[in-house]
Amino acid sequence: MGVIKLKNIRTFSYHGCLIEEGKIGSDYTVDLKIKTNLQKSAQTDHLADTVDYVHLNKIVTEEMAIRSHLLEHVAKRINIRVLEEINTIEKTTVWVSKINPPIGGDVESVTIKMTEVRK
């Protein structure tokens, strides 16, 4: 097994329960870690033998563009879509962070982490 991790994918999205969050949006970061077998690609040096991180980034940015009230909802969609679209991935973990959340305090970000394992 091996790991591929995309760190600090930055998006401007419209997630949140407040009406204002859906109108004005805010900054988010996403980290995505997948577990897969990297042995073949390590030997062949061919992109077709590994997980293309361009595909992973596309999934994240597309799912972040769909409004959700909760970060948990968007994280679950990202994990499920990764497993559905790339059958060589065994496990996926995503961290979704809202930068400067509107919670009435000096908070840099709030982050949720969710993991899905292929069944």
C-alpha atoms as a PDB file:
ATOM      1  CA  MET A   1       0.000   0.000   0.000  1.00  0.00           C
ATOM      2  CA  GLY A   2       0.958   3.591  -0.535  1.00  0.00           C
ATOM      3  CA  VAL A   3      -0.457   7.030   0.199  1.00  0.00           C
ATOM      4  CA  ILE A   4      -1.171  10.019  -2.006  1.00  0.00           C
ATOM      5  CA  LYS A   5      -2.037  13.247  -0.205  1.00  0.00           C
ATOM      6  CA  LEU A   6      -3.245  16.511  -1.676  1.00  0.00           C
ATOM      7  CA  LYS A   7      -2.656  19.301   0.820  1.00  0.00           C
ATOM      8  CA  ASN A   8      -4.236  22.703   1.110  1.00  0.00           C
ATOM      9  CA  ILE A   9      -6.576  22.686  -1.889  1.00  0.00           C
ATOM     10  CA  ARG A  10      -7.997  26.205  -1.720  1.00  0.00           C
ATOM     11  CA  THR A  11     -11.568  26.995  -2.768  1.00  0.00           C
ATOM     12  CA  PHE A  12     -14.073  29.771  -2.387  1.00  0.00           C
ATOM     13  CA  SER A  13     -17.379  28.090  -1.587  1.00  0.00           C
ATOM     14  CA  TYR A  14     -20.839  28.786  -0.177  1.00  0.00           C
ATOM     15  CA  HIS A  15     -21.283  26.246   2.626  1.00  0.00           C
ATOM     16  CA  GLY A  16     -23.007  26.973   5.903  1.00  0.00           C
ATOM     17  CA  CYS A  17     -26.358  27.136   7.657  1.00  0.00           C
ATOM     18  CA  LEU A  18     -26.611  30.918   7.652  1.00  0.00           C
ATOM     19  CA  ILE A  19     -28.335  32.616   4.724  1.00  0.00           C
ATOM     20  CA  GLU A  20     -25.419  35.045   4.481  1.00  0.00           C
ATOM     21  CA  GLU A  21     -22.951  32.178   4.007  1.00  0.00           C
ATOM     22  CA  GLY A  22     -24.888  31.079   0.948  1.00  0.00           C
ATOM     23  CA  LYS A  23     -24.785  34.582  -0.500  1.00  0.00           C
ATOM     24  CA  ILE A  24     -21.296  35.891   0.274  1.00  0.00           C
ATOM     25  CA  GLY A  25     -19.316  32.632   0.570  1.00  0.00           C
ATOM     26  CA  SER A  26     -15.968  32.142   2.264  1.00  0.00           C
ATOM     27  CA  ASP A  27     -12.550  30.577   1.909  1.00  0.00           C
ATOM     28  CA  TYR A  28     -11.986  26.869   2.482  1.00  0.00           C
ATOM     29  CA  THR A  29      -9.084  24.476   2.385  1.00  0.00           C
ATOM     30  CA  VAL A  30      -9.285  20.750   1.767  1.00  0.00           C
ATOM     31  CA  ASP A  31      -6.731  18.007   2.387  1.00  0.00           C
ATOM     32  CA  LEU A  32      -7.303  14.609   0.812  1.00  0.00           C
ATOM     33  CA  LYS A  33      -5.404  11.407   1.605  1.00  0.00           C
ATOM     34  CA  ILE A  34      -5.940   8.165  -0.256  1.00  0.00           C
ATOM     35  CA  LYS A  35      -4.507   4.693   0.255  1.00  0.00           C
ATOM     36  CA  THR A  36      -3.833   2.558  -2.796  1.00  0.00           C
ATOM     37  CA  ASN A  37      -1.306   0.123  -4.198  1.00  0.00           C
ATOM     38  CA  LEU A  38       1.573   2.124  -5.704  1.00  0.00           C
ATOM     39  CA  GLN A  39       3.873  -0.811  -6.462  1.00  0.00           C
ATOM     40  CA  LYS A  40       3.030  -1.167 -10.155  1.00  0.00           C
ATOM     41  CA  SER A  41       3.432   2.542 -10.921  1.00  0.00           C
ATOM     42  CA  ALA A  42       6.680   2.615  -8.962  1.00  0.00           C
ATOM     43  CA  GLN A  43       8.027  -0.038 -11.333  1.00  0.00           C
ATOM     44  CA  THR A  44       6.513   1.076 -14.648  1.00  0.00           C
ATOM     45  CA  ASP A  45       6.710   4.871 -14.266  1.00  0.00           C
ATOM     46  CA  HIS A  46       3.365   5.148 -16.131  1.00  0.00           C
ATOM     47  CA  LEU A  47       0.555   7.477 -15.065  1.00  0.00           C
ATOM     48  CA  ALA A  48      -2.020   4.888 -16.136  1.00  0.00           C
ATOM     49  CA  ASP A  49      -0.726   2.586 -13.369  1.00  0.00           C
ATOM     50  CA  THR A  50      -1.428   4.990 -10.495  1.00  0.00           C
ATOM     51  CA  VAL A  51      -4.078   7.354  -9.170  1.00  0.00           C
ATOM     52  CA  ASP A  52      -3.971  10.634 -11.072  1.00  0.00           C
ATOM     53  CA  TYR A  53      -3.988  13.436  -8.523  1.00  0.00           C
ATOM     54  CA  VAL A  54      -5.436  15.766 -11.178  1.00  0.00           C
ATOM     55  CA  HIS A  55      -8.561  13.572 -11.050  1.00  0.00           C
ATOM     56  CA  LEU A  56      -8.607  13.771  -7.245  1.00  0.00           C
ATOM     57  CA  ASN A  57      -8.312  17.565  -7.325  1.00  0.00           C
ATOM     58  CA  LYS A  58     -11.154  17.761  -9.862  1.00  0.00           C
ATOM     59  CA  ILE A  59     -13.439  15.735  -7.584  1.00  0.00           C
ATOM     60  CA  VAL A  60     -12.672  17.992  -4.622  1.00  0.00           C
ATOM     61  CA  THR A  61     -13.201  21.261  -6.497  1.00  0.00           C
ATOM     62  CA  GLU A  62     -16.427  20.055  -8.132  1.00  0.00           C
ATOM     63  CA  GLU A  63     -17.911  18.840  -4.847  1.00  0.00           C
ATOM     64  CA  MET A  64     -16.851  22.004  -3.006  1.00  0.00           C
ATOM     65  CA  ALA A  65     -18.754  24.009  -5.633  1.00  0.00           C
ATOM     66  CA  ILE A  66     -22.045  22.339  -4.585  1.00  0.00           C
ATOM     67  CA  ARG A  67     -23.567  24.209  -1.646  1.00  0.00           C
ATOM     68  CA  SER A  68     -24.037  22.269   1.594  1.00  0.00           C
ATOM     69  CA  HIS A  69     -25.251  23.400   4.980  1.00  0.00           C
ATOM     70  CA  LEU A  70     -22.717  21.197   6.783  1.00  0.00           C
ATOM     71  CA  LEU A  71     -19.048  20.485   6.132  1.00  0.00           C
ATOM     72  CA  GLU A  72     -19.754  16.856   6.996  1.00  0.00           C
ATOM     73  CA  HIS A  73     -22.070  16.610   4.004  1.00  0.00           C
ATOM     74  CA  VAL A  74     -19.537  17.894   1.492  1.00  0.00           C
ATOM     75  CA  ALA A  75     -16.774  15.727   3.018  1.00  0.00           C
ATOM     76  CA  LYS A  76     -18.932  12.609   2.713  1.00  0.00           C
ATOM     77  CA  ARG A  77     -19.690  13.429  -0.935  1.00  0.00           C
ATOM     78  CA  ILE A  78     -15.981  13.841  -1.692  1.00  0.00           C
ATOM     79  CA  ASN A  79     -15.067  10.510  -0.073  1.00  0.00           C
ATOM     80  CA  ILE A  80     -17.883   8.579  -1.735  1.00  0.00           C
ATOM     81  CA  ARG A  81     -17.173  10.026  -5.162  1.00  0.00           C
ATOM     82  CA  VAL A  82     -13.445   9.207  -4.880  1.00  0.00           C
ATOM     83  CA  LEU A  83     -14.262   5.568  -4.098  1.00  0.00           C
ATOM     84  CA  GLU A  84     -16.907   5.376  -6.841  1.00  0.00           C
ATOM     85  CA  GLU A  85     -14.730   6.845  -9.584  1.00  0.00           C
ATOM     86  CA  ILE A  86     -11.366   5.256  -8.778  1.00  0.00           C
ATOM     87  CA  ASN A  87     -11.689   1.558  -8.034  1.00  0.00           C
ATOM     88  CA  THR A  88      -8.049   1.043  -7.004  1.00  0.00           C
ATOM     89  CA  ILE A  89      -8.419   3.254  -3.919  1.00  0.00           C
ATOM     90  CA  GLU A  90      -8.973   1.313  -0.685  1.00  0.00           C
ATOM     91  CA  LYS A  91      -9.378   4.178   1.790  1.00  0.00           C
ATOM     92  CA  THR A  92      -9.958   7.903   1.584  1.00  0.00           C
ATOM     93  CA  THR A  93      -9.754  10.570   4.269  1.00  0.00           C
ATOM     94  CA  VAL A  94     -10.725  14.194   3.767  1.00  0.00           C
ATOM     95  CA  TRP A  95     -10.250  17.262   5.953  1.00  0.00           C
ATOM     96  CA  VAL A  96     -12.480  20.241   5.107  1.00  0.00           C
ATOM     97  CA  SER A  97     -11.629  23.538   6.791  1.00  0.00           C
ATOM     98  CA  LYS A  98     -13.659  26.731   6.840  1.00  0.00           C
ATOM     99  CA  ILE A  99     -11.327  29.704   7.180  1.00  0.00           C
ATOM    100  CA  ASN A 100     -12.506  32.461   9.566  1.00  0.00           C
ATOM    101  CA  PRO A 101     -15.832  30.810  10.455  1.00  0.00           C
ATOM    102  CA  PRO A 102     -18.615  33.148  11.614  1.00  0.00           C
ATOM    103  CA  ILE A 103     -18.763  31.874  15.198  1.00  0.00           C
ATOM    104  CA  GLY A 104     -18.276  35.091  17.136  1.00  0.00           C
ATOM    105  CA  GLY A 105     -14.648  34.661  18.138  1.00  0.00           C
ATOM    106  CA  ASP A 106     -11.084  34.846  16.921  1.00  0.00           C
ATOM    107  CA  VAL A 107     -10.915  31.424  15.278  1.00  0.00           C
ATOM    108  CA  GLU A 108      -8.575  30.773  12.357  1.00  0.00           C
ATOM    109  CA  SER A 109     -10.537  27.822  11.020  1.00  0.00           C
ATOM    110  CA  VAL A 110     -12.827  24.962  11.852  1.00  0.00           C
ATOM    111  CA  THR A 111     -12.021  21.545  10.383  1.00  0.00           C
ATOM    112  CA  ILE A 112     -13.881  18.304  10.038  1.00  0.00           C
ATOM    113  CA  LYS A 113     -12.222  14.995   9.149  1.00  0.00           C
ATOM    114  CA  MET A 114     -14.024  12.012   7.652  1.00  0.00           C
ATOM    115  CA  THR A 115     -12.828   8.628   6.400  1.00  0.00           C
ATOM    116  CA  GLU A 116     -14.421   6.038   4.131  1.00  0.00           C
ATOM    117  CA  VAL A 117     -13.114   2.536   3.448  1.00  0.00           C
ATOM    118  CA  ARG A 118     -13.976   0.455   0.399  1.00  0.00           C
ATOM    119  CA  LYS A 119     -16.361  -2.325   1.381  1.00  0.00           C
END
